[in-house]
Amino acid sequence: MDKLTKDQKDEYATSLAAIALYDGEADISSEQITTLLEATGNKEVAAFYPIIFANFLTAEKISEMIVSPVSGGGGGGGGGGG
């Protein structure tokens, strides 16, 4: 955590707050995220992060991300012909 920038820490804390609200079946709103951030000592998170994350991380989207298989990164290169 020491090597993360302040923005990265803010994003990390905000996303974990949204996931905690989802897990507790609470409303994922900017107000709820801010309340949880403050309750966990993250009082200096930039005010726009809870708004952005609440608009993006709806319960449906979080659920979809959890149950969807990850498809990322390119595979290895093909073998050389010869």
Protein backbone atom coordinates (compact mmCIF):
# COMPACT_ATOMS: atom_id res chain seq x y z
CA MET A 1 0.00 0.00 0.00
CA ASP A 2 2.91 2.36 0.60
CA LYS A 3 3.78 2.40 -3.09
CA LEU A 4 0.29 3.41 -4.21
CA THR A 5 -0.46 7.02 -5.10
CA LYS A 6 -3.17 8.89 -3.19
CA ASP A 7 -5.53 8.47 -6.16
CA GLN A 8 -4.90 4.72 -6.23
CA LYS A 9 -5.55 4.47 -2.50
CA ASP A 10 -8.76 6.50 -2.88
CA GLU A 11 -9.95 4.24 -5.71
CA TYR A 12 -9.06 1.11 -3.76
CA ALA A 13 -10.85 2.28 -0.60
CA THR A 14 -13.91 3.40 -2.56
CA SER A 15 -14.21 0.17 -4.52
CA LEU A 16 -13.87 -1.90 -1.33
CA ALA A 17 -16.56 0.23 0.33
CA ALA A 18 -18.90 -0.41 -2.60
CA ILE A 19 -18.21 -4.15 -2.45
CA ALA A 20 -18.80 -4.15 1.32
CA LEU A 21 -22.16 -2.43 0.81
CA TYR A 22 -23.04 -4.97 -1.88
CA ASP A 23 -22.07 -7.84 0.41
CA GLY A 24 -24.23 -6.40 3.18
CA GLU A 25 -27.11 -5.96 0.73
CA ALA A 26 -27.12 -2.23 1.44
CA ASP A 27 -27.85 0.54 -1.03
CA ILE A 28 -24.76 1.39 -3.09
CA SER A 29 -25.06 5.16 -3.15
CA SER A 30 -22.48 7.91 -2.91
CA GLU A 31 -23.84 8.79 0.53
CA GLN A 32 -23.51 5.23 1.81
CA ILE A 33 -20.01 4.88 0.34
CA THR A 34 -18.95 8.16 1.96
CA THR A 35 -20.41 7.10 5.31
CA LEU A 36 -18.55 3.79 5.18
CA LEU A 37 -15.30 5.47 4.13
CA GLU A 38 -15.54 7.88 7.05
CA ALA A 39 -16.41 5.08 9.47
CA THR A 40 -13.29 3.19 8.41
CA GLY A 41 -10.99 6.19 8.80
CA ASN A 42 -10.77 7.06 5.10
CA LYS A 43 -11.84 10.67 5.60
CA GLU A 44 -9.57 12.22 2.98
CA VAL A 45 -10.85 10.34 -0.07
CA ALA A 46 -11.59 12.84 -2.85
CA ALA A 47 -15.33 13.61 -2.84
CA PHE A 48 -15.85 12.68 -6.50
CA TYR A 49 -14.83 9.03 -6.05
CA PRO A 50 -17.98 7.90 -4.18
CA ILE A 51 -20.14 9.60 -6.83
CA ILE A 52 -18.35 7.96 -9.75
CA PHE A 53 -18.21 4.53 -8.14
CA ALA A 54 -21.87 4.63 -7.03
CA ASN A 55 -22.90 5.43 -10.60
CA PHE A 56 -20.76 2.66 -12.06
CA LEU A 57 -20.81 -0.09 -9.43
CA THR A 58 -24.48 -0.91 -9.17
CA ALA A 59 -25.44 -4.14 -7.42
CA GLU A 60 -26.18 -5.69 -10.82
CA LYS A 61 -22.76 -4.77 -12.22
CA ILE A 62 -20.93 -6.04 -9.14
CA SER A 63 -22.87 -9.30 -9.28
CA GLU A 64 -22.10 -9.62 -12.99
CA MET A 65 -18.37 -9.06 -12.39
CA ILE A 66 -18.31 -11.65 -9.63
CA VAL A 67 -20.00 -14.44 -11.60
CA SER A 68 -18.59 -13.72 -15.07
CA PRO A 69 -15.44 -15.54 -16.11
CA VAL A 70 -12.44 -13.32 -16.61
CA SER A 71 -11.25 -12.99 -20.15
CA GLY A 72 -8.21 -10.87 -20.37
CA GLY A 73 -4.76 -10.55 -21.77
CA GLY A 74 -3.57 -11.97 -25.00
CA GLY A 75 -2.54 -15.56 -25.25
CA GLY A 76 0.91 -16.70 -26.17
CA GLY A 77 2.13 -16.22 -29.69
CA GLY A 78 1.61 -18.95 -32.25
CA GLY A 79 4.37 -21.41 -32.99
CA GLY A 80 6.70 -20.70 -35.84
CA GLY A 81 6.18 -22.64 -39.06
CA GLY A 82 8.96 -24.39 -40.52
